[in-house]
Amino acid sequence: MVTRTSRGLATISAITAVALLAACGGETASATDPDGPVKLTFVAYGGVGQEAMIQHYQKPYTAANPNVTFVNSSPPDVAQVKAQVQSNSVLWDVVAVAPAAATQNCGTLFEKLDFSAVDKKDLVEGTIGECYIGNFINASPFAYRTEAFPDASKAPKTIADFFDIQKFPGRRGILTNIQNGILEYPLLADGVAPKDLYPLDVDRSLKKLDSIRDVTTFAPNVGALQQAVGSKQVDMFLLADSRLVPLMDEGTDVTVVWDVTVASINAFAVPKGSANVQAAQRFLPTVVSPEAVAGISEALGTAPVNLAAKSNLSQNAKKVEVYGPANTGETVLQDVGWYATNFNEVTTKLTNWLAG
C-alpha cells in the first residue's frame, strides 16, 4: 500500500544513491564498443514478469550474442531516470516505460533510437516510437476473488459496481501506474463512454476515486497487488493480466469481469546518456520477434504486439486474453498521443492526489 512514509523513503533512497555516485565522481561512462564485452542493465517490474523476460528476451539474445550479458533490476521509475540523467550518473541501459513517458521526454530523458530496419508489417500500431519500442499489450481487467462473491448472481458485473461500496462492500485494489487505467476506470464508472474518454477529465477521475479511497489499497507495483490478492487482503481489483495468470496458476480462484477493460502498450526505452546505447539499440528489436512475443504471451497472458506470433496459451492465459473470445465486453487501448502530451502533468497531479 502506498503511504507517505514509504514513498518518502523511496524518494530519499533514489536521491541518496545518485548523490553518492556524484560524490564518488560517478559520471556517465564513455560509450562502450557494442562488439566488445557488454553488460546491459535491464530494469523492469520484477517477479514472474521479469523472469519471463529473462527467459524469452535475454537468454536467447546472449546465446546468439555471447559478448552481451544482462544485469537485472527493478522497479523502473521515470523519476529515477531523471535523477540519473540530470546528475550524469546513468546506470540503467534498458528500462520498461510507458510509451507516452518516453515520447514526452524523448531526447531529454530518453535516447532517440533508430528502428528503421525493423520489419513493421505485422506490428500493432504504436509499437515503435522515436524513443521506445513496445513489447506487449498489457490489460488490467476488473476481477475479484471468487470466494469473496461466491453467489455469481449477487457478484459485481460492471466497472460501476467496483465503485459502489454500498452494494458491494469489500476491500479494493488498484495499481497506481497510469498504464493500468487508474484514471480511465473512474470515468467509465462515472458514465463516460469509452469513445469519449480522451482528453481525460483528470479532476473528475480523481473525484470519483475519492469515493472509494478509504476502502482501497493503492499498490505501487504489480507485485504488491498480486501479493495482496494472493493473501486475501483485497476482494476486487484492477490487476494486470500478467499477474492474474500466475495467481490462477498458484490456485487462487479469480473471476474476471469483462465489462470495459483498459489496455496499454508496454515498452522499453534507453535513458539519455547510457554508455551502452548502441548495444541496447541492437538488442531491443529482438523483443518484437514472433518467437519472443509468443513466449511472453504464453508465460504471462499478455496480448501480442506482433500479429505473426503464434502463441499456445494455457487455459488460464485464455481466461485473461483481452483480444480473445473470453472478453465479451469492450476494450479501450490508452491514447498514447494524448498521454505523450500530458504524461508529466498528469503524473504530478495523480502523485499529489495519492499523497493527499
Protein backbone atom coordinates (compact mmCIF):
# COMPACT_ATOMS: atom_id res chain seq x y z
CA MET A 1 0.00 0.00 0.00
CA VAL A 2 1.23 3.49 -0.77
CA THR A 3 1.98 5.53 2.30
CA ARG A 4 3.64 8.88 2.73
CA THR A 5 6.43 7.18 4.68
CA SER A 6 7.22 4.51 2.13
CA ARG A 7 7.05 6.94 -0.76
CA GLY A 8 9.28 9.37 1.06
CA LEU A 9 11.84 6.69 1.81
CA ALA A 10 11.85 5.59 -1.81
CA THR A 11 12.44 9.14 -2.97
CA ILE A 12 15.17 9.72 -0.42
CA SER A 13 16.79 6.43 -1.40
CA ALA A 14 16.87 7.40 -5.07
CA ILE A 15 18.26 10.85 -4.36
CA THR A 16 20.84 9.43 -1.97
CA ALA A 17 22.01 6.85 -4.47
CA VAL A 18 22.55 9.47 -7.13
CA ALA A 19 24.19 11.85 -4.67
CA LEU A 20 26.62 9.15 -3.59
CA LEU A 21 27.54 8.46 -7.16
CA ALA A 22 28.15 12.13 -7.77
CA ALA A 23 30.19 12.39 -4.57
CA CYS A 24 32.31 9.46 -5.73
CA GLY A 25 32.91 11.14 -9.05
CA GLY A 26 30.37 8.92 -10.77
CA GLU A 27 29.72 10.14 -14.26
CA THR A 28 28.27 8.59 -17.34
CA ALA A 29 30.95 6.34 -18.75
CA SER A 30 32.26 6.74 -22.26
CA ALA A 31 30.31 4.84 -24.88
CA THR A 32 31.27 1.21 -24.90
CA ASP A 33 32.06 -0.80 -28.01
CA PRO A 34 28.89 -2.80 -28.80
CA ASP A 35 31.08 -5.52 -30.31
CA GLY A 36 33.11 -5.89 -27.15
CA PRO A 37 32.01 -7.27 -23.79
CA VAL A 38 28.79 -5.51 -22.82
CA LYS A 39 26.71 -5.80 -19.67
CA LEU A 40 23.25 -4.27 -20.12
CA THR A 41 21.40 -3.16 -17.01
CA PHE A 42 17.80 -4.18 -17.64
CA VAL A 43 15.07 -2.64 -15.46
CA ALA A 44 11.51 -3.99 -15.41
CA TYR A 45 8.81 -4.78 -12.88
CA GLY A 46 10.41 -7.81 -11.22
CA GLY A 47 8.69 -11.05 -10.24
CA VAL A 48 7.29 -13.50 -12.74
CA GLY A 49 7.08 -10.79 -15.42
CA GLN A 50 10.80 -10.12 -15.39
CA GLU A 51 11.56 -13.84 -15.10
CA ALA A 52 9.66 -14.34 -18.33
CA MET A 53 11.68 -11.55 -19.96
CA ILE A 54 14.92 -13.20 -18.86
CA GLN A 55 13.78 -16.48 -20.42
CA HIS A 56 12.36 -15.12 -23.66
CA TYR A 57 14.43 -11.96 -24.31
CA GLN A 58 17.74 -12.12 -22.54
CA LYS A 59 18.83 -15.75 -22.66
CA PRO A 60 18.17 -16.17 -26.41
CA TYR A 61 19.96 -12.88 -27.10
CA THR A 62 23.04 -13.81 -25.09
CA ALA A 63 23.07 -17.23 -26.76
CA ALA A 64 23.22 -15.52 -30.15
CA ASN A 65 25.48 -12.68 -28.94
CA PRO A 66 27.82 -14.08 -26.27
CA ASN A 67 29.51 -10.71 -25.75
CA VAL A 68 26.26 -9.30 -24.28
CA THR A 69 25.06 -10.22 -20.80
CA PHE A 70 22.40 -8.68 -18.56
CA VAL A 71 22.11 -7.35 -15.03
CA ASN A 72 18.50 -7.24 -13.85
CA SER A 73 16.98 -4.64 -11.57
CA SER A 74 13.52 -3.34 -10.62
CA PRO A 75 11.31 -1.40 -10.45
CA PRO A 76 11.55 1.12 -13.29
CA ASP A 77 10.86 4.73 -12.41
CA VAL A 78 10.88 7.80 -14.67
CA ALA A 79 11.79 9.99 -11.67
CA GLN A 80 14.85 7.81 -11.11
CA VAL A 81 15.76 8.07 -14.79
CA LYS A 82 15.51 11.86 -14.49
CA ALA A 83 17.75 11.86 -11.41
CA GLN A 84 20.37 9.74 -13.16
CA VAL A 85 20.32 11.83 -16.33
CA GLN A 86 20.49 15.18 -14.55
CA SER A 87 23.40 14.03 -12.37
CA ASN A 88 25.27 12.49 -15.32
CA SER A 89 25.18 9.19 -13.47
CA VAL A 90 23.20 6.97 -15.79
CA LEU A 91 23.26 3.40 -14.53
CA TRP A 92 20.38 1.88 -16.47
CA ASP A 93 20.52 0.81 -20.12
CA VAL A 94 17.09 -0.68 -20.90
CA VAL A 95 14.06 0.47 -18.91
CA ALA A 96 10.41 -0.57 -19.04
CA VAL A 97 8.39 2.58 -19.57
CA ALA A 98 5.08 3.92 -20.79
CA PRO A 99 5.35 4.91 -24.46
CA ALA A 100 3.90 8.29 -23.55
CA ALA A 101 6.60 8.95 -20.96
CA ALA A 102 9.30 8.06 -23.46
CA THR A 103 7.69 10.27 -26.10
CA GLN A 104 7.13 13.35 -23.91
CA ASN A 105 10.72 13.09 -22.66
CA CYS A 106 12.28 11.96 -25.95
CA GLY A 107 15.76 13.42 -26.38
CA THR A 108 15.85 14.80 -22.85
CA LEU A 109 15.49 11.77 -20.56
CA PHE A 110 15.49 9.06 -23.21
CA GLU A 111 17.69 8.41 -26.23
CA LYS A 112 16.33 8.76 -29.73
CA LEU A 113 16.55 5.34 -31.33
CA ASP A 114 16.75 4.11 -34.91
CA PHE A 115 14.37 1.25 -35.59
CA SER A 116 14.19 1.85 -39.33
CA ALA A 117 15.45 -1.67 -40.05
CA VAL A 118 12.65 -3.32 -38.07
CA ASP A 119 10.00 -5.04 -40.22
CA LYS A 120 6.78 -3.32 -39.12
CA LYS A 121 4.20 -5.03 -41.31
CA ASP A 122 2.92 -7.32 -38.52
CA LEU A 123 3.38 -4.90 -35.64
CA VAL A 124 0.41 -3.34 -33.86
CA GLU A 125 0.09 0.39 -34.49
CA GLY A 126 2.05 2.37 -31.91
CA THR A 127 4.57 -0.39 -31.23
CA ILE A 128 7.51 1.77 -32.33
CA GLY A 129 8.15 5.38 -31.39
CA GLU A 130 11.08 7.73 -31.75
CA CYS A 131 12.36 6.83 -28.26
CA TYR A 132 10.75 3.45 -27.47
CA ILE A 133 9.78 0.02 -28.73
CA GLY A 134 6.71 -1.82 -27.40
CA ASN A 135 6.97 -5.41 -26.23
CA PHE A 136 3.40 -6.41 -25.33
CA ILE A 137 -0.10 -5.11 -24.72
CA ASN A 138 -0.98 -5.16 -21.07
CA ALA A 139 -4.62 -5.26 -19.94
CA SER A 140 -5.80 -4.64 -16.38
CA PRO A 141 -9.31 -6.05 -16.25
CA PHE A 142 -11.67 -5.74 -13.30
CA ALA A 143 -11.58 -9.01 -11.39
CA TYR A 144 -12.44 -10.37 -7.98
CA ARG A 145 -11.57 -13.29 -5.75
CA THR A 146 -14.37 -15.73 -6.45
CA GLU A 147 -14.72 -16.75 -2.80
CA ALA A 148 -15.42 -13.11 -1.89
CA PHE A 149 -18.58 -13.27 -4.01
CA PRO A 150 -19.50 -16.98 -4.13
CA ASP A 151 -23.01 -16.35 -5.47
CA ALA A 152 -22.49 -15.29 -9.07
CA SER A 153 -25.98 -13.78 -9.26
CA LYS A 154 -25.03 -11.32 -6.49
CA ALA A 155 -21.48 -10.64 -7.66
CA PRO A 156 -20.33 -7.37 -9.29
CA LYS A 157 -20.81 -7.30 -13.05
CA THR A 158 -19.72 -3.87 -14.21
CA ILE A 159 -16.96 -1.39 -13.53
CA ALA A 160 -19.60 0.82 -11.93
CA ASP A 161 -20.06 -1.95 -9.35
CA PHE A 162 -16.37 -1.65 -8.46
CA PHE A 163 -17.09 1.88 -7.25
CA ASP A 164 -20.35 1.00 -5.50
CA ILE A 165 -19.23 0.38 -1.93
CA GLN A 166 -22.80 0.27 -0.58
CA LYS A 167 -23.97 -2.55 -2.83
CA PHE A 168 -20.59 -4.31 -2.93
CA PRO A 169 -18.65 -3.76 0.27
CA GLY A 170 -15.13 -5.08 0.48
CA ARG A 171 -11.53 -4.08 0.02
CA ARG A 172 -10.45 -2.82 -3.42
CA GLY A 173 -7.00 -2.91 -5.00
CA ILE A 174 -5.76 -0.52 -7.69
CA LEU A 175 -2.34 -0.08 -9.29
CA THR A 176 -1.01 3.49 -9.17
CA ASN A 177 0.78 3.09 -12.51
CA ILE A 178 -1.04 5.26 -15.06
CA GLN A 179 -0.69 2.48 -17.66
CA ASN A 180 -3.05 0.28 -15.66
CA GLY A 181 -6.08 2.51 -16.06
CA ILE A 182 -6.23 4.24 -12.68
CA LEU A 183 -7.61 7.36 -14.38
CA GLU A 184 -9.78 5.74 -17.05
CA TYR A 185 -11.75 3.34 -14.84
CA PRO A 186 -13.24 6.03 -12.55
CA LEU A 187 -14.50 7.93 -15.59
CA LEU A 188 -16.01 4.80 -17.12
CA ALA A 189 -17.74 4.07 -13.81
CA ASP A 190 -18.97 7.65 -13.72
CA GLY A 191 -20.74 7.22 -17.04
CA VAL A 192 -18.21 8.43 -19.60
CA ALA A 193 -18.47 6.41 -22.81
CA PRO A 194 -15.27 4.64 -23.87
CA LYS A 195 -15.14 6.64 -27.11
CA ASP A 196 -15.31 9.90 -25.16
CA LEU A 197 -12.55 9.19 -22.61
CA TYR A 198 -9.92 11.41 -24.24
CA PRO A 199 -8.99 14.07 -23.45
CA LEU A 200 -9.19 12.71 -19.90
CA ASP A 201 -11.01 14.78 -17.31
CA VAL A 202 -8.41 14.09 -14.62
CA ASP A 203 -10.13 16.14 -11.93
CA ARG A 204 -13.39 14.24 -12.44
CA SER A 205 -11.49 10.96 -12.31
CA LEU A 206 -9.78 11.84 -9.03
CA LYS A 207 -13.09 12.98 -7.55
CA LYS A 208 -14.56 9.56 -8.36
CA LEU A 209 -11.53 7.86 -6.83
CA ASP A 210 -12.22 9.85 -3.66
CA SER A 211 -15.44 7.87 -3.27
CA ILE A 212 -13.55 4.59 -2.71
CA ARG A 213 -10.35 5.94 -1.22
CA ASP A 214 -10.99 4.61 2.30
CA VAL A 215 -11.60 1.04 1.13
CA THR A 216 -8.86 0.81 -1.46
CA THR A 217 -5.26 -0.36 -1.40
CA PHE A 218 -3.26 1.71 -3.89
CA ALA A 219 -0.41 -0.60 -4.85
CA PRO A 220 2.79 0.92 -6.28
CA ASN A 221 3.56 -2.07 -8.49
CA VAL A 222 2.04 -5.24 -9.90
CA GLY A 223 3.94 -7.48 -7.50
CA ALA A 224 2.49 -5.72 -4.46
CA LEU A 225 -1.08 -6.04 -5.69
CA GLN A 226 -0.54 -9.64 -6.80
CA GLN A 227 0.61 -10.41 -3.26
CA ALA A 228 -2.36 -8.57 -1.75
CA VAL A 229 -4.75 -10.66 -3.84
CA GLY A 230 -2.97 -13.91 -3.06
CA SER A 231 -3.05 -13.19 0.68
CA LYS A 232 -6.74 -12.20 0.55
CA GLN A 233 -6.09 -8.60 1.59
CA VAL A 234 -8.27 -7.31 -1.24
CA ASP A 235 -11.54 -8.67 -2.64
CA MET A 236 -11.83 -6.93 -6.01
CA PHE A 237 -9.04 -5.39 -8.04
CA LEU A 238 -7.76 -3.87 -11.26
CA LEU A 239 -4.70 -6.02 -11.84
CA ALA A 240 -2.56 -6.63 -14.90
CA ASP A 241 -3.24 -9.81 -16.86
CA SER A 242 0.43 -10.72 -16.49
CA ARG A 243 -0.16 -11.17 -12.75
CA LEU A 244 -3.62 -12.72 -12.93
CA VAL A 245 -2.26 -15.76 -14.74
CA PRO A 246 0.37 -16.58 -12.08
CA LEU A 247 -2.28 -16.14 -9.37
CA MET A 248 -4.57 -18.58 -11.13
CA ASP A 249 -1.67 -20.96 -11.75
CA GLU A 250 -0.95 -20.90 -8.00
CA GLY A 251 -4.55 -21.86 -7.21
CA THR A 252 -6.24 -18.53 -6.47
CA ASP A 253 -9.78 -18.64 -7.83
CA VAL A 254 -10.27 -15.39 -9.75
CA THR A 255 -13.29 -14.25 -11.74
CA VAL A 256 -12.67 -11.69 -14.48
CA VAL A 257 -15.48 -9.19 -15.09
CA TRP A 258 -15.47 -8.45 -18.79
CA ASP A 259 -17.25 -5.11 -18.85
CA VAL A 260 -14.97 -2.37 -20.19
CA THR A 261 -11.25 -3.13 -19.96
CA VAL A 262 -8.36 -0.70 -20.23
CA ALA A 263 -5.25 -1.88 -22.05
CA SER A 264 -1.96 -0.22 -22.88
CA ILE A 265 1.24 -0.88 -24.76
CA ASN A 266 4.20 -1.70 -22.54
CA ALA A 267 7.53 -0.51 -23.89
CA PHE A 268 11.28 -0.21 -23.38
CA ALA A 269 13.48 2.86 -23.73
CA VAL A 270 17.12 3.78 -23.18
CA PRO A 271 17.96 6.52 -20.65
CA LYS A 272 19.75 9.52 -22.13
CA GLY A 273 23.47 9.13 -21.61
CA SER A 274 23.57 5.33 -21.31
CA ALA A 275 27.09 4.16 -22.12
CA ASN A 276 25.57 1.14 -23.86
CA VAL A 277 23.08 2.86 -26.11
CA GLN A 278 24.38 1.13 -29.26
CA ALA A 279 24.26 -2.30 -27.69
CA ALA A 280 20.80 -1.61 -26.27
CA GLN A 281 19.53 -0.49 -29.66
CA ARG A 282 20.79 -3.71 -31.24
CA PHE A 283 19.04 -5.78 -28.56
CA LEU A 284 15.67 -4.05 -28.43
CA PRO A 285 14.28 -5.07 -31.87
CA THR A 286 14.53 -8.72 -30.80
CA VAL A 287 11.76 -8.25 -28.21
CA VAL A 288 9.22 -7.86 -31.04
CA SER A 289 10.29 -11.01 -32.88
CA PRO A 290 7.44 -13.54 -33.25
CA GLU A 291 9.30 -16.03 -31.07
CA ALA A 292 9.86 -13.60 -28.20
CA VAL A 293 6.33 -12.21 -28.38
CA ALA A 294 4.77 -15.68 -28.41
CA GLY A 295 6.89 -16.78 -25.46
CA ILE A 296 5.89 -13.79 -23.35
CA SER A 297 2.20 -14.19 -24.21
CA GLU A 298 2.31 -17.86 -23.20
CA ALA A 299 4.07 -17.06 -19.93
CA LEU A 300 2.04 -14.01 -18.91
CA GLY A 301 -1.19 -13.97 -20.88
CA THR A 302 -0.39 -10.58 -22.42
CA ALA A 303 -1.60 -9.64 -25.89
CA PRO A 304 1.00 -9.66 -28.68
CA VAL A 305 2.37 -6.58 -30.44
CA ASN A 306 3.48 -8.79 -33.33
CA LEU A 307 0.49 -10.37 -35.02
CA ALA A 308 2.71 -13.00 -36.64
CA ALA A 309 3.38 -14.51 -33.21
CA LYS A 310 1.78 -17.92 -32.76
CA SER A 311 1.07 -18.38 -29.08
CA ASN A 312 -0.04 -21.61 -27.49
CA LEU A 313 -1.91 -20.22 -24.49
CA SER A 314 -2.70 -22.14 -21.34
CA GLN A 315 -6.29 -22.37 -20.08
CA ASN A 316 -5.62 -19.66 -17.51
CA ALA A 317 -3.94 -17.38 -20.07
CA LYS A 318 -7.02 -17.76 -22.28
CA LYS A 319 -9.19 -16.53 -19.40
CA VAL A 320 -7.43 -13.14 -19.45
CA GLU A 321 -6.87 -12.89 -23.21
CA VAL A 322 -8.09 -9.35 -23.73
CA TYR A 323 -8.49 -9.74 -27.51
CA GLY A 324 -9.66 -13.35 -27.26
CA PRO A 325 -13.09 -14.98 -27.05
CA ALA A 326 -13.22 -14.75 -23.24
CA ASN A 327 -13.61 -10.97 -23.44
CA THR A 328 -17.31 -10.40 -24.01
CA GLY A 329 -17.06 -6.70 -23.22
CA GLU A 330 -15.31 -3.69 -24.72
CA THR A 331 -11.62 -2.80 -24.70
CA VAL A 332 -10.09 0.67 -24.55
CA LEU A 333 -6.47 0.98 -25.68
CA GLN A 334 -4.90 4.00 -23.98
CA ASP A 335 -4.36 7.01 -26.22
CA VAL A 336 -0.57 7.26 -26.46
CA GLY A 337 -0.84 10.53 -28.39
CA TRP A 338 -2.82 12.26 -25.65
CA TYR A 339 -0.63 10.91 -22.88
CA ALA A 340 2.52 11.84 -24.79
CA THR A 341 1.49 15.49 -24.48
CA ASN A 342 0.23 15.26 -20.90
CA PHE A 343 2.10 12.41 -19.18
CA ASN A 344 4.30 14.53 -16.90
CA GLU A 345 1.49 16.84 -15.79
CA VAL A 346 -0.97 14.00 -15.22
CA THR A 347 1.63 12.05 -13.27
CA THR A 348 2.25 15.03 -10.99
CA LYS A 349 -1.47 15.54 -10.37
CA LEU A 350 -2.01 11.85 -9.59
CA THR A 351 1.05 11.72 -7.33
CA ASN A 352 -0.22 14.71 -5.36
CA TRP A 353 -3.65 13.11 -5.01
CA LEU A 354 -2.12 9.86 -3.74
CA ALA A 355 -0.12 11.82 -1.17
CA GLY A 356 -3.15 13.80 -0.04
